[in-house]
């Protein structure tokens, strides 16, 4: 059990060495952070809990940087998903892999359910967007 914790700590420390969790101050740093997030999202199911925490914090740093330099044009997650479905010719059934079941897709689109972190990550990965795009503004 101890070796598992040490292995998780090593993976986390390697991520910190790759990109320290500090404010992003340039477009170059932002691009590197986004690249690392993409890599982590590609293997999300294999990440340690420490790596998932790292991904969550790094995503927040990216969001903070991008919010400083771009106009505030936030679209609510439901509207965004409806737009993406329309643009990609998708039905509710096409989103079952990301949301879990047809009833969950329907409940989210009708406003009866919010997205879980896992669903947000899966949608972001599918549509190649920042997970922050699927986080409600009021969250």
N, C-alpha and C. Protein backbone atom coordinates (compact mmCIF):
# COMPACT_ATOMS: atom_id res chain seq x y z
N UNK A 1 0.83 -1.19 0.00
CA UNK A 1 0.00 0.00 0.00
C UNK A 1 0.87 1.25 0.00
N UNK A 2 1.96 1.20 0.75
CA UNK A 2 2.87 2.35 0.82
C UNK A 2 3.47 2.65 -0.55
N UNK A 3 3.83 1.59 -1.32
CA UNK A 3 4.44 1.82 -2.64
C UNK A 3 3.46 2.47 -3.60
N UNK A 4 2.16 2.20 -3.46
CA UNK A 4 1.15 2.83 -4.30
C UNK A 4 1.11 4.33 -4.03
N UNK A 5 1.14 4.71 -2.75
CA UNK A 5 1.13 6.13 -2.39
C UNK A 5 2.39 6.83 -2.88
N UNK A 6 3.52 6.18 -2.76
CA UNK A 6 4.78 6.75 -3.23
C UNK A 6 4.74 6.92 -4.74
N UNK A 7 4.19 5.93 -5.46
CA UNK A 7 4.07 6.01 -6.91
C UNK A 7 3.16 7.17 -7.31
N UNK A 8 2.05 7.36 -6.60
CA UNK A 8 1.15 8.47 -6.88
C UNK A 8 1.85 9.80 -6.64
N UNK A 9 2.60 9.88 -5.54
CA UNK A 9 3.34 11.11 -5.25
C UNK A 9 4.37 11.40 -6.33
N UNK A 10 5.04 10.37 -6.84
CA UNK A 10 6.03 10.57 -7.89
C UNK A 10 5.37 11.09 -9.16
N UNK A 11 4.23 10.52 -9.52
CA UNK A 11 3.52 10.99 -10.72
C UNK A 11 3.10 12.44 -10.55
N UNK A 12 2.62 12.77 -9.38
CA UNK A 12 2.20 14.15 -9.11
C UNK A 12 3.41 15.09 -9.18
N UNK A 13 4.51 14.71 -8.54
CA UNK A 13 5.71 15.56 -8.55
C UNK A 13 6.27 15.71 -9.96
N UNK A 14 6.17 14.66 -10.76
CA UNK A 14 6.61 14.77 -12.15
C UNK A 14 5.76 15.78 -12.91
N UNK A 15 4.46 15.81 -12.64
CA UNK A 15 3.57 16.80 -13.27
C UNK A 15 3.95 18.22 -12.81
N UNK A 16 4.25 18.37 -11.55
CA UNK A 16 4.64 19.68 -11.02
C UNK A 16 5.93 20.15 -11.69
N UNK A 17 6.88 19.22 -11.91
CA UNK A 17 8.12 19.57 -12.59
C UNK A 17 7.83 19.97 -14.04
N UNK A 18 6.90 19.26 -14.67
CA UNK A 18 6.56 19.53 -16.06
C UNK A 18 5.92 20.92 -16.20
N UNK A 19 5.01 21.25 -15.28
CA UNK A 19 4.37 22.56 -15.30
C UNK A 19 3.94 22.89 -13.87
N UNK A 20 4.70 23.72 -13.17
CA UNK A 20 4.35 24.08 -11.79
C UNK A 20 2.99 24.77 -11.72
N UNK A 21 2.27 24.52 -10.65
CA UNK A 21 0.96 25.13 -10.46
C UNK A 21 1.17 26.54 -9.91
N UNK A 22 1.25 27.48 -10.83
CA UNK A 22 1.45 28.89 -10.53
C UNK A 22 0.65 29.68 -11.55
N UNK A 23 0.41 30.95 -11.32
CA UNK A 23 -0.36 31.72 -12.30
C UNK A 23 0.27 31.66 -13.69
N UNK A 24 -0.58 31.52 -14.70
CA UNK A 24 -0.14 31.54 -16.09
C UNK A 24 -0.04 33.00 -16.51
N UNK A 25 1.11 33.37 -17.08
CA UNK A 25 1.34 34.79 -17.38
C UNK A 25 1.62 35.07 -18.85
N UNK A 26 1.66 34.04 -19.69
CA UNK A 26 1.93 34.28 -21.11
C UNK A 26 1.13 33.29 -21.95
N UNK A 27 0.99 33.63 -23.21
CA UNK A 27 0.30 32.74 -24.14
C UNK A 27 1.06 31.42 -24.29
N UNK A 28 2.39 31.51 -24.26
CA UNK A 28 3.22 30.30 -24.38
C UNK A 28 2.97 29.36 -23.19
N UNK A 29 2.93 29.90 -21.98
CA UNK A 29 2.64 29.08 -20.80
C UNK A 29 1.23 28.49 -20.90
N UNK A 30 0.29 29.29 -21.39
CA UNK A 30 -1.09 28.82 -21.53
C UNK A 30 -1.18 27.66 -22.52
N UNK A 31 -0.46 27.77 -23.63
CA UNK A 31 -0.46 26.69 -24.62
C UNK A 31 0.13 25.41 -24.04
N UNK A 32 1.21 25.53 -23.28
CA UNK A 32 1.81 24.35 -22.65
C UNK A 32 0.84 23.73 -21.65
N UNK A 33 0.21 24.57 -20.84
CA UNK A 33 -0.76 24.06 -19.86
C UNK A 33 -1.91 23.35 -20.56
N UNK A 34 -2.40 23.92 -21.65
CA UNK A 34 -3.51 23.30 -22.40
C UNK A 34 -3.07 21.96 -22.99
N UNK A 35 -1.84 21.90 -23.46
CA UNK A 35 -1.31 20.65 -24.02
C UNK A 35 -1.25 19.56 -22.93
N UNK A 36 -0.81 19.93 -21.76
CA UNK A 36 -0.73 18.98 -20.65
C UNK A 36 -2.13 18.52 -20.26
N UNK A 37 -3.09 19.44 -20.20
CA UNK A 37 -4.47 19.06 -19.90
C UNK A 37 -5.00 18.07 -20.93
N UNK A 38 -4.72 18.32 -22.20
CA UNK A 38 -5.17 17.40 -23.26
C UNK A 38 -4.58 16.01 -23.05
N UNK A 39 -3.29 15.96 -22.72
CA UNK A 39 -2.63 14.67 -22.48
C UNK A 39 -3.29 13.93 -21.31
N UNK A 40 -3.59 14.67 -20.25
CA UNK A 40 -4.21 14.06 -19.08
C UNK A 40 -5.63 13.61 -19.39
N UNK A 41 -6.36 14.41 -20.15
CA UNK A 41 -7.74 14.05 -20.50
C UNK A 41 -7.78 12.79 -21.35
N UNK A 42 -6.77 12.62 -22.21
CA UNK A 42 -6.73 11.44 -23.07
C UNK A 42 -6.62 10.14 -22.27
N UNK A 43 -6.08 10.23 -21.06
CA UNK A 43 -5.94 9.02 -20.23
C UNK A 43 -6.59 9.22 -18.86
N UNK A 44 -7.69 9.96 -18.85
CA UNK A 44 -8.35 10.34 -17.60
C UNK A 44 -8.66 9.15 -16.70
N UNK A 45 -9.14 8.05 -17.28
CA UNK A 45 -9.52 6.88 -16.47
C UNK A 45 -8.32 6.22 -15.79
N UNK A 46 -7.11 6.51 -16.26
CA UNK A 46 -5.90 5.89 -15.69
C UNK A 46 -5.17 6.80 -14.71
N UNK A 47 -5.66 8.02 -14.53
CA UNK A 47 -4.97 8.97 -13.66
C UNK A 47 -5.10 8.61 -12.18
N UNK A 48 -4.07 8.93 -11.42
CA UNK A 48 -4.14 8.78 -9.97
C UNK A 48 -5.00 9.92 -9.43
N UNK A 49 -5.40 9.83 -8.20
CA UNK A 49 -6.20 10.91 -7.60
C UNK A 49 -5.39 12.20 -7.55
N UNK A 50 -4.11 12.11 -7.32
CA UNK A 50 -3.25 13.30 -7.31
C UNK A 50 -3.18 13.94 -8.69
N UNK A 51 -3.11 13.11 -9.74
CA UNK A 51 -3.07 13.65 -11.09
C UNK A 51 -4.41 14.29 -11.46
N UNK A 52 -5.50 13.73 -10.98
CA UNK A 52 -6.82 14.34 -11.23
C UNK A 52 -6.92 15.69 -10.53
N UNK A 53 -6.39 15.76 -9.32
CA UNK A 53 -6.37 17.05 -8.61
C UNK A 53 -5.53 18.06 -9.38
N UNK A 54 -4.39 17.61 -9.88
CA UNK A 54 -3.51 18.47 -10.67
C UNK A 54 -4.25 18.98 -11.90
N UNK A 55 -4.95 18.09 -12.60
CA UNK A 55 -5.71 18.47 -13.79
C UNK A 55 -6.77 19.51 -13.46
N UNK A 56 -7.45 19.32 -12.35
CA UNK A 56 -8.50 20.26 -11.95
C UNK A 56 -7.92 21.65 -11.67
N UNK A 57 -6.81 21.70 -10.94
CA UNK A 57 -6.19 22.98 -10.62
C UNK A 57 -5.61 23.63 -11.88
N UNK A 58 -4.95 22.84 -12.71
CA UNK A 58 -4.37 23.39 -13.94
C UNK A 58 -5.46 23.93 -14.86
N UNK A 59 -6.58 23.24 -14.95
CA UNK A 59 -7.71 23.73 -15.75
C UNK A 59 -8.21 25.08 -15.22
N UNK A 60 -8.23 25.21 -13.92
CA UNK A 60 -8.64 26.48 -13.31
C UNK A 60 -7.66 27.60 -13.63
N UNK A 61 -6.38 27.29 -13.66
CA UNK A 61 -5.38 28.30 -14.00
C UNK A 61 -5.53 28.76 -15.45
N UNK A 62 -5.82 27.81 -16.32
CA UNK A 62 -6.05 28.15 -17.73
C UNK A 62 -7.27 29.04 -17.86
N UNK A 63 -8.33 28.66 -17.18
CA UNK A 63 -9.56 29.44 -17.23
C UNK A 63 -9.31 30.87 -16.73
N UNK A 64 -8.57 31.00 -15.64
CA UNK A 64 -8.28 32.32 -15.09
C UNK A 64 -7.47 33.16 -16.09
N UNK A 65 -6.47 32.57 -16.71
CA UNK A 65 -5.66 33.30 -17.68
C UNK A 65 -6.51 33.75 -18.86
N UNK A 66 -7.30 32.83 -19.40
CA UNK A 66 -8.10 33.14 -20.58
C UNK A 66 -9.18 34.18 -20.27
N UNK A 67 -9.71 34.16 -19.07
CA UNK A 67 -10.74 35.14 -18.69
C UNK A 67 -10.15 36.54 -18.60
N UNK A 68 -8.89 36.66 -18.26
CA UNK A 68 -8.24 37.98 -18.16
C UNK A 68 -8.06 38.62 -19.52
N UNK A 69 -7.92 37.81 -20.56
CA UNK A 69 -7.56 38.35 -21.87
C UNK A 69 -8.68 38.30 -22.89
N UNK A 70 -9.78 37.70 -22.57
CA UNK A 70 -10.87 37.58 -23.53
C UNK A 70 -12.12 38.22 -22.98
N UNK A 71 -12.98 38.66 -23.88
CA UNK A 71 -14.27 39.21 -23.46
C UNK A 71 -15.07 38.13 -22.75
N UNK A 72 -15.88 38.56 -21.85
CA UNK A 72 -16.74 37.65 -21.10
C UNK A 72 -17.88 37.22 -22.02
N UNK A 73 -17.76 36.05 -22.60
CA UNK A 73 -18.80 35.53 -23.49
C UNK A 73 -19.14 34.10 -23.09
N UNK A 74 -19.44 33.91 -21.85
CA UNK A 74 -19.71 32.57 -21.34
C UNK A 74 -21.07 32.08 -21.82
N UNK A 75 -21.09 30.86 -22.29
CA UNK A 75 -22.32 30.20 -22.69
C UNK A 75 -22.59 29.12 -21.66
N UNK A 76 -23.82 29.03 -21.23
CA UNK A 76 -24.15 28.00 -20.24
C UNK A 76 -23.95 26.61 -20.85
N UNK A 77 -23.57 25.63 -20.04
CA UNK A 77 -23.27 24.29 -20.54
C UNK A 77 -24.39 23.66 -21.38
N UNK A 78 -25.64 23.84 -20.98
CA UNK A 78 -26.74 23.26 -21.75
C UNK A 78 -26.82 23.85 -23.15
N UNK A 79 -26.70 25.18 -23.21
CA UNK A 79 -26.72 25.86 -24.51
C UNK A 79 -25.54 25.41 -25.37
N UNK A 80 -24.38 25.31 -24.76
CA UNK A 80 -23.19 24.88 -25.48
C UNK A 80 -23.38 23.47 -26.03
N UNK A 81 -23.86 22.56 -25.19
CA UNK A 81 -24.04 21.19 -25.64
C UNK A 81 -25.09 21.10 -26.75
N UNK A 82 -26.16 21.84 -26.63
CA UNK A 82 -27.18 21.85 -27.69
C UNK A 82 -26.58 22.35 -29.00
N UNK A 83 -25.76 23.41 -28.91
CA UNK A 83 -25.10 23.95 -30.09
C UNK A 83 -24.17 22.90 -30.71
N UNK A 84 -23.35 22.25 -29.87
CA UNK A 84 -22.41 21.24 -30.35
C UNK A 84 -23.14 20.06 -30.97
N UNK A 85 -24.25 19.66 -30.38
CA UNK A 85 -25.04 18.57 -30.94
C UNK A 85 -25.54 18.95 -32.33
N UNK A 86 -26.06 20.16 -32.46
CA UNK A 86 -26.58 20.63 -33.75
C UNK A 86 -25.47 20.70 -34.79
N UNK A 87 -24.33 21.28 -34.41
CA UNK A 87 -23.21 21.45 -35.34
C UNK A 87 -22.62 20.12 -35.80
N UNK A 88 -22.70 19.11 -34.93
CA UNK A 88 -22.10 17.81 -35.24
C UNK A 88 -23.13 16.77 -35.64
N UNK A 89 -24.38 17.17 -35.79
CA UNK A 89 -25.44 16.23 -36.20
C UNK A 89 -25.63 15.10 -35.20
N UNK A 90 -25.58 15.41 -33.91
CA UNK A 90 -25.68 14.38 -32.87
C UNK A 90 -27.08 14.35 -32.27
N UNK A 91 -27.49 13.17 -31.88
CA UNK A 91 -28.73 13.01 -31.14
C UNK A 91 -28.40 12.76 -29.67
N UNK A 92 -29.42 12.72 -28.85
CA UNK A 92 -29.20 12.44 -27.43
C UNK A 92 -28.54 11.08 -27.24
N UNK A 93 -28.89 10.12 -28.07
CA UNK A 93 -28.31 8.78 -27.96
C UNK A 93 -26.79 8.80 -28.18
N UNK A 94 -26.32 9.73 -29.01
CA UNK A 94 -24.89 9.81 -29.29
C UNK A 94 -24.08 10.25 -28.06
N UNK A 95 -24.74 10.83 -27.07
CA UNK A 95 -24.05 11.33 -25.88
C UNK A 95 -24.09 10.36 -24.70
N UNK A 96 -24.65 9.19 -24.90
CA UNK A 96 -24.70 8.19 -23.81
C UNK A 96 -23.30 7.83 -23.31
N UNK A 97 -22.29 7.68 -24.19
CA UNK A 97 -20.95 7.34 -23.66
C UNK A 97 -20.41 8.40 -22.69
N UNK A 98 -20.76 9.65 -22.89
CA UNK A 98 -20.26 10.71 -22.03
C UNK A 98 -21.13 10.91 -20.78
N UNK A 99 -22.44 10.76 -20.93
CA UNK A 99 -23.34 11.07 -19.81
C UNK A 99 -23.89 9.84 -19.09
N UNK A 100 -23.76 8.67 -19.69
CA UNK A 100 -24.11 7.46 -18.96
C UNK A 100 -25.38 6.74 -19.37
N UNK A 101 -26.42 7.47 -19.73
CA UNK A 101 -27.66 6.85 -20.15
C UNK A 101 -28.50 7.87 -20.89
N UNK A 102 -29.49 7.40 -21.64
CA UNK A 102 -30.35 8.32 -22.38
C UNK A 102 -31.15 9.20 -21.43
N UNK A 103 -31.54 8.65 -20.27
CA UNK A 103 -32.31 9.46 -19.32
C UNK A 103 -31.44 10.57 -18.73
N UNK A 104 -30.16 10.30 -18.49
CA UNK A 104 -29.28 11.35 -17.96
C UNK A 104 -29.06 12.46 -18.99
N UNK A 105 -28.93 12.07 -20.25
CA UNK A 105 -28.79 13.08 -21.31
C UNK A 105 -30.04 13.96 -21.33
N UNK A 106 -31.19 13.31 -21.32
CA UNK A 106 -32.46 14.04 -21.35
C UNK A 106 -32.63 14.94 -20.13
N UNK A 107 -32.30 14.42 -18.95
CA UNK A 107 -32.43 15.21 -17.73
C UNK A 107 -31.50 16.42 -17.75
N UNK A 108 -30.28 16.25 -18.27
CA UNK A 108 -29.37 17.40 -18.34
C UNK A 108 -29.90 18.45 -19.31
N UNK A 109 -30.30 18.01 -20.49
CA UNK A 109 -30.76 18.96 -21.51
C UNK A 109 -32.05 19.67 -21.10
N UNK A 110 -32.87 19.03 -20.26
CA UNK A 110 -34.11 19.66 -19.81
C UNK A 110 -33.91 20.49 -18.54
N UNK A 111 -32.68 20.51 -18.00
CA UNK A 111 -32.39 21.32 -16.82
C UNK A 111 -32.70 20.65 -15.50
N UNK A 112 -32.98 19.36 -15.51
CA UNK A 112 -33.31 18.64 -14.28
C UNK A 112 -32.06 18.09 -13.57
N UNK A 113 -30.93 18.10 -14.25
CA UNK A 113 -29.70 17.51 -13.70
C UNK A 113 -28.51 18.33 -14.17
N UNK A 114 -27.52 18.46 -13.30
CA UNK A 114 -26.26 19.08 -13.68
C UNK A 114 -25.26 18.00 -14.07
N UNK A 115 -24.18 18.40 -14.66
CA UNK A 115 -23.13 17.46 -15.05
C UNK A 115 -22.22 17.15 -13.86
N UNK A 116 -21.77 15.91 -13.80
CA UNK A 116 -20.75 15.54 -12.81
C UNK A 116 -19.38 15.89 -13.38
N UNK A 117 -18.36 15.88 -12.54
CA UNK A 117 -17.00 16.18 -13.00
C UNK A 117 -16.57 15.18 -14.07
N UNK A 118 -16.89 13.93 -13.88
CA UNK A 118 -16.53 12.91 -14.86
C UNK A 118 -17.21 13.18 -16.21
N UNK A 119 -18.48 13.56 -16.19
CA UNK A 119 -19.19 13.86 -17.43
C UNK A 119 -18.59 15.09 -18.10
N UNK A 120 -18.23 16.10 -17.30
CA UNK A 120 -17.62 17.31 -17.85
C UNK A 120 -16.32 16.96 -18.57
N UNK A 121 -15.50 16.15 -17.95
CA UNK A 121 -14.22 15.75 -18.53
C UNK A 121 -14.45 14.99 -19.83
N UNK A 122 -15.40 14.08 -19.83
CA UNK A 122 -15.67 13.28 -21.04
C UNK A 122 -16.19 14.15 -22.17
N UNK A 123 -17.08 15.10 -21.87
CA UNK A 123 -17.59 16.00 -22.91
C UNK A 123 -16.47 16.89 -23.45
N UNK A 124 -15.65 17.41 -22.55
CA UNK A 124 -14.53 18.26 -22.97
C UNK A 124 -13.59 17.49 -23.89
N UNK A 125 -13.32 16.27 -23.54
CA UNK A 125 -12.45 15.43 -24.34
C UNK A 125 -13.07 15.16 -25.72
N UNK A 126 -14.33 14.83 -25.74
CA UNK A 126 -15.01 14.52 -27.00
C UNK A 126 -14.99 15.71 -27.96
N UNK A 127 -15.26 16.91 -27.41
CA UNK A 127 -15.38 18.08 -28.26
C UNK A 127 -14.11 18.93 -28.31
N UNK A 128 -13.03 18.43 -27.68
CA UNK A 128 -11.73 19.13 -27.68
C UNK A 128 -11.85 20.55 -27.14
N UNK A 129 -12.53 20.68 -26.00
CA UNK A 129 -12.71 21.96 -25.32
C UNK A 129 -12.14 21.88 -23.92
N UNK A 130 -11.94 23.03 -23.32
CA UNK A 130 -11.55 23.06 -21.91
C UNK A 130 -12.72 22.55 -21.08
N UNK A 131 -12.45 21.77 -20.03
CA UNK A 131 -13.53 21.34 -19.16
C UNK A 131 -14.33 22.53 -18.60
N UNK A 132 -13.68 23.65 -18.49
CA UNK A 132 -14.36 24.84 -17.95
C UNK A 132 -15.53 25.28 -18.81
N UNK A 133 -15.54 24.90 -20.08
CA UNK A 133 -16.65 25.26 -20.96
C UNK A 133 -17.96 24.63 -20.49
N UNK A 134 -17.86 23.52 -19.76
CA UNK A 134 -19.05 22.81 -19.31
C UNK A 134 -19.37 23.03 -17.83
N UNK A 135 -18.68 23.98 -17.22
CA UNK A 135 -18.94 24.31 -15.82
C UNK A 135 -19.83 25.55 -15.79
N UNK A 136 -20.98 25.47 -15.11
CA UNK A 136 -21.89 26.62 -15.08
C UNK A 136 -21.20 27.85 -14.51
N UNK A 137 -21.55 29.01 -15.00
CA UNK A 137 -20.96 30.26 -14.55
C UNK A 137 -21.19 30.47 -13.05
N UNK A 138 -22.33 30.02 -12.56
CA UNK A 138 -22.66 30.21 -11.14
C UNK A 138 -21.91 29.24 -10.23
N UNK A 139 -21.19 28.28 -10.81
CA UNK A 139 -20.48 27.27 -10.00
C UNK A 139 -19.23 27.82 -9.38
